[in-house]
Amino acid sequence: MSMVKKLSVSTPQLTGFPVDPLVFGIAVFLILYGLVMIGSASLEIGVKTYGNPFFLLTRHSLYLLVSGAAALVAISVPIQRWQKYDAALLAVSFLLLMVVLVPGIGKEVNGATRWVALGPFSLQGSEFVKLFVMIYMAGYLVRRKEEIETSLSGFAKPLVVLTLIVFLLLGQPDFGAAIVIISAAIGMIFLAGVPYRFFLPLVAFCVSSLALIATLTPYRLARLLAFADPWEHQFDSGYQLTQALIAFGRGEWLGLGLGNSIQKLFFLPEAHTDFLFSIVAEEMGIIGAGLVILLFAGLVLRGLAIGNAARRQELQFHAYLAYGLSLIIGIQASVNLGVNLGILPTKGLTLPFMSYGGNSLIVSCMMVALILRIDYETRQFQTTNVKRGKRNG
């Protein structure tokens, strides 16, 4: 009997599902922390734009309910079923990225066309593409393991897919999502044990290509110049970054107190979305901001550990998927935190679990749900093997 069949017999359905307390606890804490901070950061913009100080908080709470339902669905589906439909999910990814570019369908916001209006909800396909591409990559690494390790062509095939995904993302444009997906895919390939003779040229090619794309596009070049010296451009392209840095300066160690941010009073744009972390630092201080960083680090490391546990049980797809999902969360969080801290150029990336927005929250909750499912199935598989070993002994 194959390993997949053994697993399907041992986990036919979700019954008395025991979740990993660290992953579940950190995710819930970040979500609730973000909910409180969104409530604080969005009061003024809610009054000015919608005539209701709690409008954005209420809407985000509804997104949270949808996210919880999506997570329950994701955690109820056996991992092997995700593996079975990895190619179909890749096709859905291309569809999501192409339909948004169709005139009359794509919704433009701040010069970017990344959304499809679905009544009161706007679908951002690139968020779901992050999840679907990781599922496809995990499946490919399992199917073509020997070919990837021995043949350059086997190694190059998924890169063609990733290149097409990146070009579609740049058409929106969504350079931040492209960086997250490429970086996570490279990390997954590395953790899968691909030979260095293939891996190192890949890294060099990707880094040089992304650098070229960043410098050839005028608005991205302006962001890089502002990043190099934001105070020189503090009333122009460096405005957001300088206002974010001011927020950190005001917060000091203990912060101004919840609700007492000055920068959220229309000084810092996107205070409840991309730059929520700056408001956290201003109101909760370095200690409150440092806690967020530690929690994300703990979540990513625990996710990678779950992947290692699956790999020790020879559940390769489970392992690679846990790697990819953990890296997606970690890389996106790192980019967002780096932008807020002035370590990285400005990118339109939300902070997972915490920033305002339905698409990011839904996908982040689904990713955590899949990591929890991987942990559950790995422990179930290990228990089954131990029992079988005792009977045979």
Protein backbone atom coordinates (compact mmCIF):
# COMPACT_ATOMS: atom_id res chain seq x y z
CA MET A 1 0.00 0.00 0.00
CA SER A 2 1.40 3.39 -0.94
CA MET A 3 2.11 6.12 1.59
CA VAL A 4 -0.68 8.30 0.22
CA LYS A 5 -3.21 5.49 0.64
CA LYS A 6 -2.03 4.84 4.18
CA LEU A 7 -2.51 8.50 5.00
CA SER A 8 -5.96 8.67 3.46
CA VAL A 9 -7.04 5.69 5.55
CA SER A 10 -5.70 7.18 8.78
CA THR A 11 -7.29 10.63 8.22
CA PRO A 12 -10.59 10.16 6.39
CA GLN A 13 -12.23 13.13 8.05
CA LEU A 14 -11.68 15.81 10.66
CA THR A 15 -12.76 14.47 14.05
CA GLY A 16 -11.76 16.03 17.37
CA PHE A 17 -9.16 18.15 15.55
CA PRO A 18 -6.26 18.97 17.90
CA VAL A 19 -4.43 22.08 16.68
CA ASP A 20 -0.84 23.07 17.31
CA PRO A 21 -1.16 25.52 20.23
CA LEU A 22 1.76 27.73 19.18
CA VAL A 23 0.68 28.29 15.59
CA PHE A 24 -2.98 28.69 16.53
CA GLY A 25 -2.26 30.92 19.52
CA ILE A 26 0.09 33.26 17.65
CA ALA A 27 -2.28 33.60 14.69
CA VAL A 28 -5.26 34.39 16.92
CA PHE A 29 -3.25 36.90 18.95
CA LEU A 30 -2.01 38.71 15.82
CA ILE A 31 -5.55 38.85 14.41
CA LEU A 32 -6.97 40.31 17.63
CA TYR A 33 -4.02 42.69 18.03
CA GLY A 34 -4.59 43.86 14.47
CA LEU A 35 -8.32 44.28 15.08
CA VAL A 36 -7.67 46.58 18.04
CA MET A 37 -5.07 48.61 16.15
CA ILE A 38 -7.27 48.93 13.05
CA GLY A 39 -10.01 50.26 15.31
CA SER A 40 -7.60 52.86 16.66
CA ALA A 41 -5.96 53.79 13.35
CA SER A 42 -9.17 54.07 11.29
CA LEU A 43 -11.38 56.22 13.55
CA GLU A 44 -10.58 59.55 11.90
CA ILE A 45 -10.67 58.31 8.32
CA GLY A 46 -13.94 56.55 9.12
CA VAL A 47 -15.50 59.81 10.26
CA LYS A 48 -14.16 61.84 7.33
CA THR A 49 -14.86 59.34 4.54
CA TYR A 50 -17.89 57.39 5.76
CA GLY A 51 -19.39 59.50 8.53
CA ASN A 52 -18.94 56.61 10.97
CA PRO A 53 -15.81 56.20 13.13
CA PHE A 54 -16.34 52.44 13.34
CA PHE A 55 -17.13 51.82 9.67
CA LEU A 56 -13.76 50.26 8.75
CA LEU A 57 -13.54 48.35 12.03
CA THR A 58 -17.00 46.87 11.44
CA ARG A 59 -16.13 45.95 7.89
CA HIS A 60 -12.87 44.32 8.96
CA SER A 61 -14.78 42.35 11.59
CA LEU A 62 -17.03 41.00 8.82
CA TYR A 63 -13.91 40.06 6.84
CA LEU A 64 -12.72 38.21 9.93
CA LEU A 65 -15.91 36.14 10.01
CA VAL A 66 -15.46 35.22 6.34
CA SER A 67 -11.80 34.42 7.01
CA GLY A 68 -12.76 32.12 9.87
CA ALA A 69 -15.19 30.27 7.61
CA ALA A 70 -12.53 29.96 4.88
CA ALA A 71 -10.04 28.63 7.44
CA LEU A 72 -12.55 26.02 8.63
CA VAL A 73 -13.06 24.85 5.06
CA ALA A 74 -9.30 24.72 4.42
CA ILE A 75 -8.55 22.80 7.60
CA SER A 76 -11.28 20.26 6.82
CA VAL A 77 -9.82 19.26 3.46
CA PRO A 78 -7.15 16.49 3.50
CA ILE A 79 -3.78 17.71 2.23
CA GLN A 80 -3.63 15.04 -0.48
CA ARG A 81 -6.72 16.61 -2.06
CA TRP A 82 -4.92 19.93 -2.37
CA GLN A 83 -2.07 18.00 -3.98
CA LYS A 84 -4.46 16.31 -6.41
CA TYR A 85 -5.74 19.64 -7.73
CA ASP A 86 -2.47 21.60 -7.73
CA ALA A 87 -2.47 22.03 -11.53
CA ALA A 88 -6.10 23.20 -11.47
CA LEU A 89 -5.25 25.76 -8.79
CA LEU A 90 -2.39 27.00 -10.96
CA ALA A 91 -4.85 27.47 -13.82
CA VAL A 92 -7.12 29.44 -11.47
CA SER A 93 -4.10 31.61 -10.60
CA PHE A 94 -3.56 32.54 -14.24
CA LEU A 95 -7.27 33.23 -14.63
CA LEU A 96 -7.32 35.53 -11.59
CA LEU A 97 -4.30 37.47 -12.84
CA MET A 98 -5.59 37.80 -16.41
CA VAL A 99 -9.20 38.73 -15.70
CA VAL A 100 -8.14 41.76 -13.66
CA LEU A 101 -6.37 43.16 -16.74
CA VAL A 102 -9.52 43.04 -18.87
CA PRO A 103 -10.86 46.58 -19.42
CA GLY A 104 -14.11 47.13 -17.59
CA ILE A 105 -13.53 44.27 -15.15
CA GLY A 106 -10.40 45.32 -13.28
CA LYS A 107 -10.84 48.00 -10.62
CA GLU A 108 -8.15 50.68 -10.44
CA VAL A 109 -7.05 52.10 -7.08
CA ASN A 110 -4.11 54.52 -6.70
CA GLY A 111 -2.86 53.75 -10.20
CA ALA A 112 -2.90 49.95 -9.76
CA THR A 113 -5.45 47.55 -11.24
CA ARG A 114 -5.40 44.62 -8.81
CA TRP A 115 -9.05 44.14 -7.89
CA VAL A 116 -12.28 42.81 -9.36
CA ALA A 117 -15.41 44.41 -7.91
CA LEU A 118 -17.89 41.83 -6.63
CA GLY A 119 -20.62 43.97 -5.14
CA PRO A 120 -19.48 45.32 -1.77
CA PHE A 121 -16.35 43.11 -1.87
CA SER A 122 -13.28 43.60 -4.09
CA LEU A 123 -11.42 40.41 -5.03
CA GLN A 124 -7.63 40.78 -5.14
CA GLY A 125 -6.50 37.75 -7.10
CA SER A 126 -2.80 38.16 -6.34
CA GLU A 127 -3.42 37.28 -2.68
CA PHE A 128 -4.93 33.91 -3.59
CA VAL A 129 -2.23 33.35 -6.21
CA LYS A 130 0.35 33.30 -3.42
CA LEU A 131 -1.41 30.31 -1.86
CA PHE A 132 -2.15 28.49 -5.12
CA VAL A 133 1.40 28.85 -6.49
CA MET A 134 2.86 27.38 -3.29
CA ILE A 135 0.52 24.38 -3.63
CA TYR A 136 1.58 23.91 -7.25
CA MET A 137 5.28 24.25 -6.44
CA ALA A 138 5.01 21.69 -3.64
CA GLY A 139 3.30 19.26 -6.00
CA TYR A 140 5.88 19.80 -8.72
CA LEU A 141 8.79 19.25 -6.34
CA VAL A 142 7.25 15.91 -5.33
CA ARG A 143 6.40 14.75 -8.86
CA ARG A 144 9.71 15.77 -10.44
CA LYS A 145 12.05 15.29 -7.49
CA GLU A 146 14.62 13.15 -9.33
CA GLU A 147 14.40 15.22 -12.50
CA ILE A 148 14.96 18.47 -10.62
CA GLU A 149 17.99 17.10 -8.80
CA THR A 150 19.66 15.72 -11.93
CA SER A 151 18.43 17.75 -14.91
CA LEU A 152 18.59 21.44 -15.71
CA SER A 153 15.40 21.15 -17.78
CA GLY A 154 13.50 19.69 -14.83
CA PHE A 155 14.72 22.56 -12.70
CA ALA A 156 13.81 25.17 -15.35
CA LYS A 157 10.20 24.11 -16.00
CA PRO A 158 8.67 25.60 -12.83
CA LEU A 159 10.72 28.76 -13.43
CA VAL A 160 8.86 29.28 -16.70
CA VAL A 161 5.59 29.15 -14.77
CA LEU A 162 6.89 31.57 -12.15
CA THR A 163 8.12 33.94 -14.87
CA LEU A 164 4.66 34.06 -16.46
CA ILE A 165 3.11 34.71 -13.05
CA VAL A 166 5.54 37.56 -12.42
CA PHE A 167 4.84 39.19 -15.80
CA LEU A 168 1.10 39.12 -15.11
CA LEU A 169 1.68 40.63 -11.66
CA LEU A 170 3.84 43.38 -13.13
CA GLY A 171 1.02 44.18 -15.54
CA GLN A 172 -1.23 45.24 -12.65
CA PRO A 173 1.38 46.38 -11.39
CA ASP A 174 2.05 44.43 -8.17
CA PHE A 175 5.82 44.29 -7.74
CA GLY A 176 5.51 43.46 -4.04
CA ALA A 177 3.49 40.29 -4.65
CA ALA A 178 5.97 39.25 -7.35
CA ILE A 179 8.86 39.58 -4.89
CA VAL A 180 7.02 37.58 -2.21
CA ILE A 181 6.10 34.72 -4.56
CA ILE A 182 9.55 34.48 -6.18
CA SER A 183 11.34 34.63 -2.83
CA ALA A 184 9.10 31.98 -1.26
CA ALA A 185 9.45 29.70 -4.30
CA ILE A 186 13.24 30.01 -4.21
CA GLY A 187 13.22 29.25 -0.48
CA MET A 188 11.03 26.20 -1.04
CA ILE A 189 13.36 24.95 -3.78
CA PHE A 190 16.34 25.42 -1.48
CA LEU A 191 14.69 23.57 1.41
CA ALA A 192 13.76 20.76 -0.98
CA GLY A 193 17.47 20.07 -1.38
CA VAL A 194 18.06 21.17 -4.97
CA PRO A 195 21.79 21.04 -5.90
CA TYR A 196 23.74 24.28 -5.51
CA ARG A 197 24.89 24.14 -9.15
CA PHE A 198 21.27 24.87 -10.11
CA PHE A 199 20.19 26.91 -7.10
CA LEU A 200 22.92 29.59 -7.01
CA PRO A 201 22.51 30.65 -10.69
CA LEU A 202 18.76 30.84 -10.06
CA VAL A 203 19.23 33.21 -7.14
CA ALA A 204 21.63 35.39 -9.14
CA PHE A 205 19.22 35.52 -12.08
CA CYS A 206 16.18 36.39 -9.95
CA VAL A 207 17.97 39.07 -7.95
CA SER A 208 19.42 40.74 -11.06
CA SER A 209 16.07 40.56 -12.89
CA LEU A 210 14.13 42.10 -10.01
CA ALA A 211 16.77 44.82 -9.62
CA LEU A 212 16.55 45.60 -13.34
CA ILE A 213 12.76 45.79 -13.24
CA ALA A 214 12.88 48.05 -10.19
CA THR A 215 15.32 50.52 -11.73
CA LEU A 216 13.83 50.68 -15.24
CA THR A 217 10.34 51.71 -14.10
CA PRO A 218 10.16 55.45 -13.27
CA TYR A 219 7.85 55.25 -10.25
CA ARG A 220 9.84 52.36 -8.73
CA LEU A 221 13.08 54.26 -9.30
CA ALA A 222 11.54 57.25 -7.51
CA ARG A 223 10.74 54.98 -4.56
CA LEU A 224 14.32 53.75 -4.48
CA LEU A 225 15.66 57.32 -4.49
CA ALA A 226 13.25 58.26 -1.70
CA PHE A 227 14.32 55.19 0.26
CA ALA A 228 18.00 56.16 -0.08
CA ASP A 229 17.35 59.62 1.40
CA PRO A 230 13.71 60.03 2.48
CA TRP A 231 14.25 63.40 4.18
CA GLU A 232 15.48 64.86 0.90
CA HIS A 233 12.09 63.97 -0.61
CA GLN A 234 9.97 64.31 2.52
CA PHE A 235 7.21 66.30 0.79
CA ASP A 236 7.25 64.18 -2.35
CA SER A 237 8.10 60.50 -2.94
CA GLY A 238 9.55 60.12 0.58
CA TYR A 239 6.48 61.46 2.37
CA GLN A 240 5.06 58.14 3.59
CA LEU A 241 8.41 56.88 4.84
CA THR A 242 9.27 60.06 6.74
CA GLN A 243 5.84 60.11 8.39
CA ALA A 244 6.28 56.45 9.37
CA LEU A 245 9.67 57.20 10.89
CA ILE A 246 8.17 60.12 12.81
CA ALA A 247 5.62 57.69 14.25
CA PHE A 248 8.42 55.44 15.50
CA GLY A 249 10.17 58.43 17.03
CA ARG A 250 7.05 59.55 18.87
CA GLY A 251 6.38 56.09 20.28
CA GLU A 252 9.75 55.62 22.00
CA TRP A 253 9.79 52.60 24.36
CA LEU A 254 6.25 52.49 25.79
CA GLY A 255 4.27 54.46 23.21
CA LEU A 256 1.74 57.28 23.47
CA GLY A 257 -1.05 54.92 24.54
CA LEU A 258 -3.81 53.20 22.62
CA GLY A 259 -5.78 55.70 20.56
CA ASN A 260 -3.31 58.56 21.09
CA SER A 261 -1.48 58.42 17.75
CA ILE A 262 -0.88 61.77 16.09
CA GLN A 263 0.31 60.39 12.76
CA LYS A 264 -3.05 58.71 12.10
CA LEU A 265 -4.63 62.19 11.97
CA PHE A 266 -4.14 62.21 8.19
CA PHE A 267 -0.35 62.70 8.39
CA LEU A 268 0.46 59.09 7.56
CA PRO A 269 -1.37 57.71 4.50
CA GLU A 270 -2.60 54.10 4.64
CA ALA A 271 -2.31 54.15 8.44
CA HIS A 272 -4.78 51.27 8.85
CA THR A 273 -3.42 49.16 5.98
CA ASP A 274 0.19 49.08 4.77
CA PHE A 275 1.54 51.32 7.56
CA LEU A 276 -0.42 49.91 10.49
CA PHE A 277 2.83 48.76 12.10
CA SER A 278 3.97 52.38 12.39
CA ILE A 279 0.82 53.20 14.35
CA VAL A 280 1.49 50.16 16.55
CA ALA A 281 4.97 51.55 17.27
CA GLU A 282 3.62 55.03 17.97
CA GLU A 283 0.85 53.95 20.33
CA MET A 284 2.37 50.82 21.87
CA GLY A 285 6.05 51.77 21.66
CA ILE A 286 9.08 49.70 20.76
CA ILE A 287 7.92 47.01 23.19
CA GLY A 288 4.53 46.63 21.47
CA ALA A 289 6.13 46.69 18.03
CA GLY A 290 8.87 44.28 19.07
CA LEU A 291 6.22 41.83 20.27
CA VAL A 292 4.75 41.75 16.75
CA ILE A 293 8.15 40.94 15.27
CA LEU A 294 8.77 38.15 17.80
CA LEU A 295 5.35 36.63 17.17
CA PHE A 296 5.86 36.53 13.41
CA ALA A 297 9.30 34.98 13.90
CA GLY A 298 7.81 32.34 16.20
CA LEU A 299 5.01 31.56 13.76
CA VAL A 300 7.36 31.12 10.81
CA LEU A 301 9.87 29.01 12.72
CA ARG A 302 7.11 26.78 14.06
CA GLY A 303 5.70 26.39 10.55
CA LEU A 304 9.11 25.35 9.23
CA ALA A 305 9.46 22.90 12.14
CA ILE A 306 6.12 21.35 11.19
CA GLY A 307 7.46 20.98 7.66
CA ASN A 308 10.57 19.23 8.98
CA ALA A 309 8.42 16.87 11.04
CA ALA A 310 6.42 15.96 7.92
CA ARG A 311 9.62 15.38 5.99
CA ARG A 312 10.91 12.99 8.64
CA GLN A 313 7.73 10.97 8.08
CA GLU A 314 8.45 11.07 4.33
CA LEU A 315 5.36 13.16 3.66
CA GLN A 316 7.14 15.25 1.05
CA PHE A 317 4.19 17.29 -0.24
CA HIS A 318 3.15 18.12 3.31
CA ALA A 319 6.69 19.24 4.09
CA TYR A 320 7.17 21.40 1.01
CA LEU A 321 3.76 23.02 1.40
CA ALA A 322 4.46 23.85 5.06
CA TYR A 323 7.79 25.38 3.97
CA GLY A 324 6.15 27.46 1.24
CA LEU A 325 3.27 28.76 3.35
CA SER A 326 5.57 29.64 6.25
CA LEU A 327 7.90 31.48 3.89
CA ILE A 328 5.04 33.41 2.26
CA ILE A 329 3.88 34.64 5.67
CA GLY A 330 7.41 35.38 6.86
CA ILE A 331 8.58 37.16 3.71
CA GLN A 332 5.46 39.31 3.36
CA ALA A 333 5.62 40.26 7.03
CA SER A 334 9.34 41.03 6.73
CA VAL A 335 8.81 43.26 3.70
CA ASN A 336 5.97 45.15 5.37
CA LEU A 337 7.92 45.60 8.61
CA GLY A 338 11.03 46.59 6.64
CA VAL A 339 9.09 49.23 4.73
CA ASN A 340 7.63 50.68 7.93
CA LEU A 341 11.07 50.75 9.55
CA GLY A 342 12.72 52.35 6.51
CA ILE A 343 14.88 49.29 5.87
CA LEU A 344 13.22 48.51 2.50
CA PRO A 345 11.72 50.67 -0.27
CA THR A 346 7.97 51.26 -0.11
CA LYS A 347 5.83 48.36 -1.37
CA GLY A 348 2.08 47.91 -1.41
CA LEU A 349 2.05 44.89 0.90
CA THR A 350 -0.17 44.42 3.91
CA LEU A 351 0.96 42.98 7.23
CA PRO A 352 -0.51 39.44 7.40
CA PHE A 353 -3.31 38.94 9.95
CA MET A 354 -3.12 42.55 11.14
CA SER A 355 -3.64 45.07 8.31
CA TYR A 356 -7.10 46.11 7.14
CA GLY A 357 -8.33 44.19 4.12
CA GLY A 358 -10.40 41.12 3.40
CA ASN A 359 -8.31 39.33 0.77
CA SER A 360 -5.09 39.30 2.77
CA LEU A 361 -6.86 38.22 5.95
CA ILE A 362 -8.76 35.40 4.21
CA VAL A 363 -5.64 33.99 2.56
CA SER A 364 -3.52 34.36 5.71
CA CYS A 365 -6.10 32.42 7.74
CA MET A 366 -6.27 29.73 5.06
CA MET A 367 -2.48 29.37 5.12
CA VAL A 368 -2.44 28.91 8.88
CA ALA A 369 -5.29 26.42 8.60
CA LEU A 370 -3.31 24.36 6.09
CA ILE A 371 -0.22 24.42 8.32
CA LEU A 372 -2.38 23.16 11.20
CA ARG A 373 -3.81 20.44 8.96
CA ILE A 374 -0.30 19.39 7.92
CA ASP A 375 0.72 19.14 11.58
CA TYR A 376 -2.37 17.07 12.38
CA GLU A 377 -1.90 14.63 9.51
CA THR A 378 1.81 14.26 10.26
CA ARG A 379 1.12 13.36 13.88
CA GLN A 380 -1.67 10.98 12.83
CA PHE A 381 0.64 9.30 10.34
CA GLN A 382 3.39 8.98 12.94
CA THR A 383 0.96 7.47 15.46
CA THR A 384 -0.29 4.96 12.88
CA ASN A 385 3.26 3.89 12.07
CA VAL A 386 4.14 3.48 15.74
CA LYS A 387 1.05 1.31 16.35
CA ARG A 388 1.79 -0.76 13.26
CA GLY A 389 5.40 -1.21 14.42
CA LYS A 390 4.26 -2.43 17.84
CA ARG A 391 1.88 -4.98 16.27
CA ASN A 392 4.58 -6.23 13.93
CA GLY A 393 7.07 -6.40 16.82
